[in-house]
Each structure stands twice: as structure tokens, then as C-alpha cells.
Amino acid sequence: MREDVLAGLSLDERVEDHLDGLVQVLDAAWRQMAERLAEAGDDAKISIEVQAEAGRS
């Protein structure tokens, strides 16, 4: 059944491989953000806003 669901989503790689790729992208994004925060220094003003999405509160 899992293969049918993945095929329906046009995902032709194994689940583990697909998730590994997503983990690598997320890890790279976090590392880049950490580097930019370090470059900005302790006096930089930082604001993180989480916007509500449809169906989320």
C-alpha cells in the first residue's frame, strides 16, 4: 500500500531516501540561519514570527 501512495504522489524513491533528502535540506537551512545569526552579532535585532496557516491555530 505504501508504494501505491508514493506513486500517487509522484514520489519514485524509497521513503527512507526521500526523508533523508528532506532532513539534509532542513539541516542545511538551520545551519545557514545559525551562521547568519553569528555573523549578525549579539547586538542584532532579531524577530521571529510564526504565521498561522489555514487549518492551524
PDB file of N, CA and C in Angstrom:
ATOM      1  N   MET A   1       0.823  -1.195   0.000  1.00  0.00           N
ATOM      2  CA  MET A   1       0.000   0.000   0.000  1.00  0.00           C
ATOM      3  C   MET A   1       0.869   1.263   0.000  1.00  0.00           C
ATOM      4  N   ARG A   2       1.945   1.260   0.762  1.00  0.00           N
ATOM      5  CA  ARG A   2       2.802   2.437   0.851  1.00  0.00           C
ATOM      6  C   ARG A   2       3.334   2.830  -0.525  1.00  0.00           C
ATOM      7  N   GLU A   3       3.731   1.830  -1.331  1.00  0.00           N
ATOM      8  CA  GLU A   3       4.238   2.121  -2.666  1.00  0.00           C
ATOM      9  C   GLU A   3       3.175   2.788  -3.526  1.00  0.00           C
ATOM     10  N   ASP A   4       1.902   2.362  -3.374  1.00  0.00           N
ATOM     11  CA  ASP A   4       0.812   2.968  -4.138  1.00  0.00           C
ATOM     12  C   ASP A   4       0.632   4.441  -3.763  1.00  0.00           C
ATOM     13  N   VAL A   5       0.728   4.728  -2.487  1.00  0.00           N
ATOM     14  CA  VAL A   5       0.577   6.114  -2.027  1.00  0.00           C
ATOM     15  C   VAL A   5       1.710   6.971  -2.575  1.00  0.00           C
ATOM     16  N   LEU A   6       2.932   6.468  -2.492  1.00  0.00           N
ATOM     17  CA  LEU A   6       4.070   7.226  -3.003  1.00  0.00           C
ATOM     18  C   LEU A   6       3.966   7.435  -4.506  1.00  0.00           C
ATOM     19  N   ALA A   7       3.552   6.411  -5.225  1.00  0.00           N
ATOM     20  CA  ALA A   7       3.391   6.546  -6.674  1.00  0.00           C
ATOM     21  C   ALA A   7       2.318   7.582  -6.989  1.00  0.00           C
ATOM     22  N   GLY A   8       1.248   7.601  -6.208  1.00  0.00           N
ATOM     23  CA  GLY A   8       0.186   8.581  -6.406  1.00  0.00           C
ATOM     24  C   GLY A   8       0.659  10.007  -6.180  1.00  0.00           C
ATOM     25  N   LEU A   9       1.691  10.167  -5.377  1.00  0.00           N
ATOM     26  CA  LEU A   9       2.270  11.489  -5.109  1.00  0.00           C
ATOM     27  C   LEU A   9       3.458  11.782  -6.030  1.00  0.00           C
ATOM     28  N   SER A  10       3.670  10.910  -6.994  1.00  0.00           N
ATOM     29  CA  SER A  10       4.793  11.023  -7.943  1.00  0.00           C
ATOM     30  C   SER A  10       6.144  10.974  -7.232  1.00  0.00           C
ATOM     31  N   LEU A  11       6.216  10.208  -6.156  1.00  0.00           N
ATOM     32  CA  LEU A  11       7.471  10.001  -5.439  1.00  0.00           C
ATOM     33  C   LEU A  11       7.969   8.606  -5.791  1.00  0.00           C
ATOM     34  N   ASP A  12       9.065   8.543  -6.539  1.00  0.00           N
ATOM     35  CA  ASP A  12       9.522   7.247  -7.018  1.00  0.00           C
ATOM     36  C   ASP A  12      10.711   6.683  -6.245  1.00  0.00           C
ATOM     37  N   GLU A  13      11.155   7.374  -5.200  1.00  0.00           N
ATOM     38  CA  GLU A  13      12.249   6.841  -4.410  1.00  0.00           C
ATOM     39  C   GLU A  13      11.714   6.199  -3.131  1.00  0.00           C
ATOM     40  N   ARG A  14      12.566   5.453  -2.481  1.00  0.00           N
ATOM     41  CA  ARG A  14      12.165   4.818  -1.225  1.00  0.00           C
ATOM     42  C   ARG A  14      11.850   5.888  -0.185  1.00  0.00           C
ATOM     43  N   VAL A  15      10.975   5.556   0.743  1.00  0.00           N
ATOM     44  CA  VAL A  15      10.574   6.507   1.787  1.00  0.00           C
ATOM     45  C   VAL A  15      11.800   7.012   2.544  1.00  0.00           C
ATOM     46  N   GLU A  16      12.679   6.105   2.925  1.00  0.00           N
ATOM     47  CA  GLU A  16      13.861   6.482   3.688  1.00  0.00           C
ATOM     48  C   GLU A  16      14.729   7.471   2.917  1.00  0.00           C
ATOM     49  N   ASP A  17      14.892   7.224   1.615  1.00  0.00           N
ATOM     50  CA  ASP A  17      15.708   8.121   0.796  1.00  0.00           C
ATOM     51  C   ASP A  17      15.050   9.496   0.673  1.00  0.00           C
ATOM     52  N   HIS A  18      13.750   9.502   0.493  1.00  0.00           N
ATOM     53  CA  HIS A  18      13.018  10.766   0.383  1.00  0.00           C
ATOM     54  C   HIS A  18      13.154  11.574   1.674  1.00  0.00           C
ATOM     55  N   LEU A  19      12.953  10.917   2.809  1.00  0.00           N
ATOM     56  CA  LEU A  19      13.053  11.612   4.094  1.00  0.00           C
ATOM     57  C   LEU A  19      14.482  12.058   4.379  1.00  0.00           C
ATOM     58  N   ASP A  20      15.465  11.243   4.009  1.00  0.00           N
ATOM     59  CA  ASP A  20      16.863  11.642   4.193  1.00  0.00           C
ATOM     60  C   ASP A  20      17.161  12.931   3.432  1.00  0.00           C
ATOM     61  N   GLY A  21      16.633  13.037   2.229  1.00  0.00           N
ATOM     62  CA  GLY A  21      16.835  14.252   1.443  1.00  0.00           C
ATOM     63  C   GLY A  21      16.218  15.465   2.114  1.00  0.00           C
ATOM     64  N   LEU A  22      15.017  15.298   2.658  1.00  0.00           N
ATOM     65  CA  LEU A  22      14.353  16.405   3.350  1.00  0.00           C
ATOM     66  C   LEU A  22      15.115  16.803   4.611  1.00  0.00           C
ATOM     67  N   VAL A  23      15.632  15.819   5.334  1.00  0.00           N
ATOM     68  CA  VAL A  23      16.410  16.096   6.544  1.00  0.00           C
ATOM     69  C   VAL A  23      17.662  16.896   6.190  1.00  0.00           C
ATOM     70  N   GLN A  24      18.315  16.548   5.094  1.00  0.00           N
ATOM     71  CA  GLN A  24      19.519  17.269   4.681  1.00  0.00           C
ATOM     72  C   GLN A  24      19.204  18.725   4.345  1.00  0.00           C
ATOM     73  N   VAL A  25      18.087  18.955   3.657  1.00  0.00           N
ATOM     74  CA  VAL A  25      17.695  20.324   3.308  1.00  0.00           C
ATOM     75  C   VAL A  25      17.381  21.126   4.569  1.00  0.00           C
ATOM     76  N   LEU A  26      16.636  20.528   5.490  1.00  0.00           N
ATOM     77  CA  LEU A  26      16.288  21.215   6.733  1.00  0.00           C
ATOM     78  C   LEU A  26      17.535  21.510   7.561  1.00  0.00           C
ATOM     79  N   ASP A  27      18.435  20.543   7.653  1.00  0.00           N
ATOM     80  CA  ASP A  27      19.670  20.737   8.403  1.00  0.00           C
ATOM     81  C   ASP A  27      20.501  21.872   7.804  1.00  0.00           C
ATOM     82  N   ALA A  28      20.593  21.916   6.490  1.00  0.00           N
ATOM     83  CA  ALA A  28      21.354  22.982   5.829  1.00  0.00           C
ATOM     84  C   ALA A  28      20.736  24.348   6.109  1.00  0.00           C
ATOM     85  N   ALA A  29      19.408  24.418   6.110  1.00  0.00           N
ATOM     86  CA  ALA A  29      18.729  25.690   6.382  1.00  0.00           C
ATOM     87  C   ALA A  29      18.998  26.157   7.813  1.00  0.00           C
ATOM     88  N   TRP A  30      18.944  25.240   8.771  1.00  0.00           N
ATOM     89  CA  TRP A  30      19.214  25.608  10.165  1.00  0.00           C
ATOM     90  C   TRP A  30      20.656  26.059  10.342  1.00  0.00           C
ATOM     91  N   ARG A  31      21.583  25.365   9.692  1.00  0.00           N
ATOM     92  CA  ARG A  31      22.997  25.742   9.794  1.00  0.00           C
ATOM     93  C   ARG A  31      23.235  27.132   9.195  1.00  0.00           C
ATOM     94  N   GLN A  32      22.591  27.402   8.061  1.00  0.00           N
ATOM     95  CA  GLN A  32      22.736  28.710   7.436  1.00  0.00           C
ATOM     96  C   GLN A  32      22.177  29.804   8.343  1.00  0.00           C
ATOM     97  N   MET A  33      21.029  29.529   8.963  1.00  0.00           N
ATOM     98  CA  MET A  33      20.447  30.513   9.866  1.00  0.00           C
ATOM     99  C   MET A  33      21.373  30.756  11.059  1.00  0.00           C
ATOM    100  N   ALA A  34      21.948  29.694  11.610  1.00  0.00           N
ATOM    101  CA  ALA A  34      22.858  29.843  12.745  1.00  0.00           C
ATOM    102  C   ALA A  34      24.090  30.656  12.356  1.00  0.00           C
ATOM    103  N   GLU A  35      24.617  30.419  11.161  1.00  0.00           N
ATOM    104  CA  GLU A  35      25.773  31.191  10.696  1.00  0.00           C
ATOM    105  C   GLU A  35      25.426  32.669  10.542  1.00  0.00           C
ATOM    106  N   ARG A  36      24.271  32.938   9.985  1.00  0.00           N
ATOM    107  CA  ARG A  36      23.858  34.336   9.796  1.00  0.00           C
ATOM    108  C   ARG A  36      23.629  35.034  11.134  1.00  0.00           C
ATOM    109  N   LEU A  37      23.067  34.316  12.089  1.00  0.00           N
ATOM    110  CA  LEU A  37      22.879  34.905  13.418  1.00  0.00           C
ATOM    111  C   LEU A  37      24.226  35.211  14.061  1.00  0.00           C
ATOM    112  N   ALA A  38      25.187  34.306  13.893  1.00  0.00           N
ATOM    113  CA  ALA A  38      26.519  34.531  14.452  1.00  0.00           C
ATOM    114  C   ALA A  38      27.185  35.731  13.783  1.00  0.00           C
ATOM    115  N   GLU A  39      27.022  35.863  12.470  1.00  0.00           N
ATOM    116  CA  GLU A  39      27.598  37.000  11.747  1.00  0.00           C
ATOM    117  C   GLU A  39      26.962  38.320  12.176  1.00  0.00           C
ATOM    118  N   ALA A  40      25.678  38.275  12.506  1.00  0.00           N
ATOM    119  CA  ALA A  40      24.959  39.497  12.877  1.00  0.00           C
ATOM    120  C   ALA A  40      25.437  40.033  14.221  1.00  0.00           C
ATOM    121  N   GLY A  41      25.924  39.167  15.078  1.00  0.00           N
ATOM    122  CA  GLY A  41      26.443  39.597  16.370  1.00  0.00           C
ATOM    123  C   GLY A  41      25.363  39.674  17.434  1.00  0.00           C
ATOM    124  N   ASP A  42      25.817  39.893  18.652  1.00  0.00           N
ATOM    125  CA  ASP A  42      24.915  39.898  19.804  1.00  0.00           C
ATOM    126  C   ASP A  42      23.981  41.099  19.839  1.00  0.00           C
ATOM    127  N   ASP A  43      24.348  42.189  19.188  1.00  0.00           N
ATOM    128  CA  ASP A  43      23.530  43.396  19.229  1.00  0.00           C
ATOM    129  C   ASP A  43      22.467  43.444  18.131  1.00  0.00           C
ATOM    130  N   ALA A  44      22.440  42.449  17.270  1.00  0.00           N
ATOM    131  CA  ALA A  44      21.470  42.445  16.164  1.00  0.00           C
ATOM    132  C   ALA A  44      20.059  42.244  16.708  1.00  0.00           C
ATOM    133  N   LYS A  45      19.127  42.960  16.119  1.00  0.00           N
ATOM    134  CA  LYS A  45      17.726  42.800  16.499  1.00  0.00           C
ATOM    135  C   LYS A  45      17.131  41.690  15.642  1.00  0.00           C
ATOM    136  N   ILE A  46      16.574  40.712  16.310  1.00  0.00           N
ATOM    137  CA  ILE A  46      16.029  39.554  15.611  1.00  0.00           C
ATOM    138  C   ILE A  46      14.576  39.384  16.002  1.00  0.00           C
ATOM    139  N   SER A  47      13.757  39.154  15.014  1.00  0.00           N
ATOM    140  CA  SER A  47      12.337  38.920  15.251  1.00  0.00           C
ATOM    141  C   SER A  47      11.921  37.674  14.484  1.00  0.00           C
ATOM    142  N   ILE A  48      11.339  36.729  15.178  1.00  0.00           N
ATOM    143  CA  ILE A  48      10.841  35.514  14.537  1.00  0.00           C
ATOM    144  C   ILE A  48       9.332  35.507  14.684  1.00  0.00           C
ATOM    145  N   GLU A  49       8.654  35.465  13.564  1.00  0.00           N
ATOM    146  CA  GLU A  49       7.196  35.467  13.566  1.00  0.00           C
ATOM    147  C   GLU A  49       6.686  34.180  12.933  1.00  0.00           C
ATOM    148  N   VAL A  50       5.764  33.538  13.608  1.00  0.00           N
ATOM    149  CA  VAL A  50       5.139  32.337  13.072  1.00  0.00           C
ATOM    150  C   VAL A  50       3.753  32.729  12.611  1.00  0.00           C
ATOM    151  N   GLN A  51       3.530  32.589  11.325  1.00  0.00           N
ATOM    152  CA  GLN A  51       2.242  32.965  10.764  1.00  0.00           C
ATOM    153  C   GLN A  51       1.317  31.756  10.762  1.00  0.00           C
ATOM    154  N   ALA A  52       0.074  31.995  11.141  1.00  0.00           N
ATOM    155  CA  ALA A  52      -0.915  30.919  11.151  1.00  0.00           C
ATOM    156  C   ALA A  52      -1.243  30.520   9.720  1.00  0.00           C
ATOM    157  N   GLU A  53      -1.354  29.232   9.496  1.00  0.00           N
ATOM    158  CA  GLU A  53      -1.743  28.716   8.191  1.00  0.00           C
ATOM    159  C   GLU A  53      -3.194  28.281   8.257  1.00  0.00           C
ATOM    160  N   ALA A  54      -3.786  28.105   7.128  1.00  0.00           N
ATOM    161  CA  ALA A  54      -5.173  27.638   7.082  1.00  0.00           C
ATOM    162  C   ALA A  54      -5.276  26.308   7.823  1.00  0.00           C
ATOM    163  N   GLY A  55      -6.200  26.219   8.723  1.00  0.00           N
ATOM    164  CA  GLY A  55      -6.409  24.986   9.471  1.00  0.00           C
ATOM    165  C   GLY A  55      -5.539  24.840  10.698  1.00  0.00           C
ATOM    166  N   ARG A  56      -4.655  25.800  10.942  1.00  0.00           N
ATOM    167  CA  ARG A  56      -3.795  25.746  12.125  1.00  0.00           C
ATOM    168  C   ARG A  56      -4.133  26.912  13.029  1.00  0.00           C
ATOM    169  N   SER A  57      -4.007  26.694  14.306  1.00  0.00           N
ATOM    170  CA  SER A  57      -4.280  27.785  15.243  1.00  0.00           C
ATOM    171  C   SER A  57      -3.041  28.156  16.004  1.00  0.00           C
TER     172      SER A  57
END
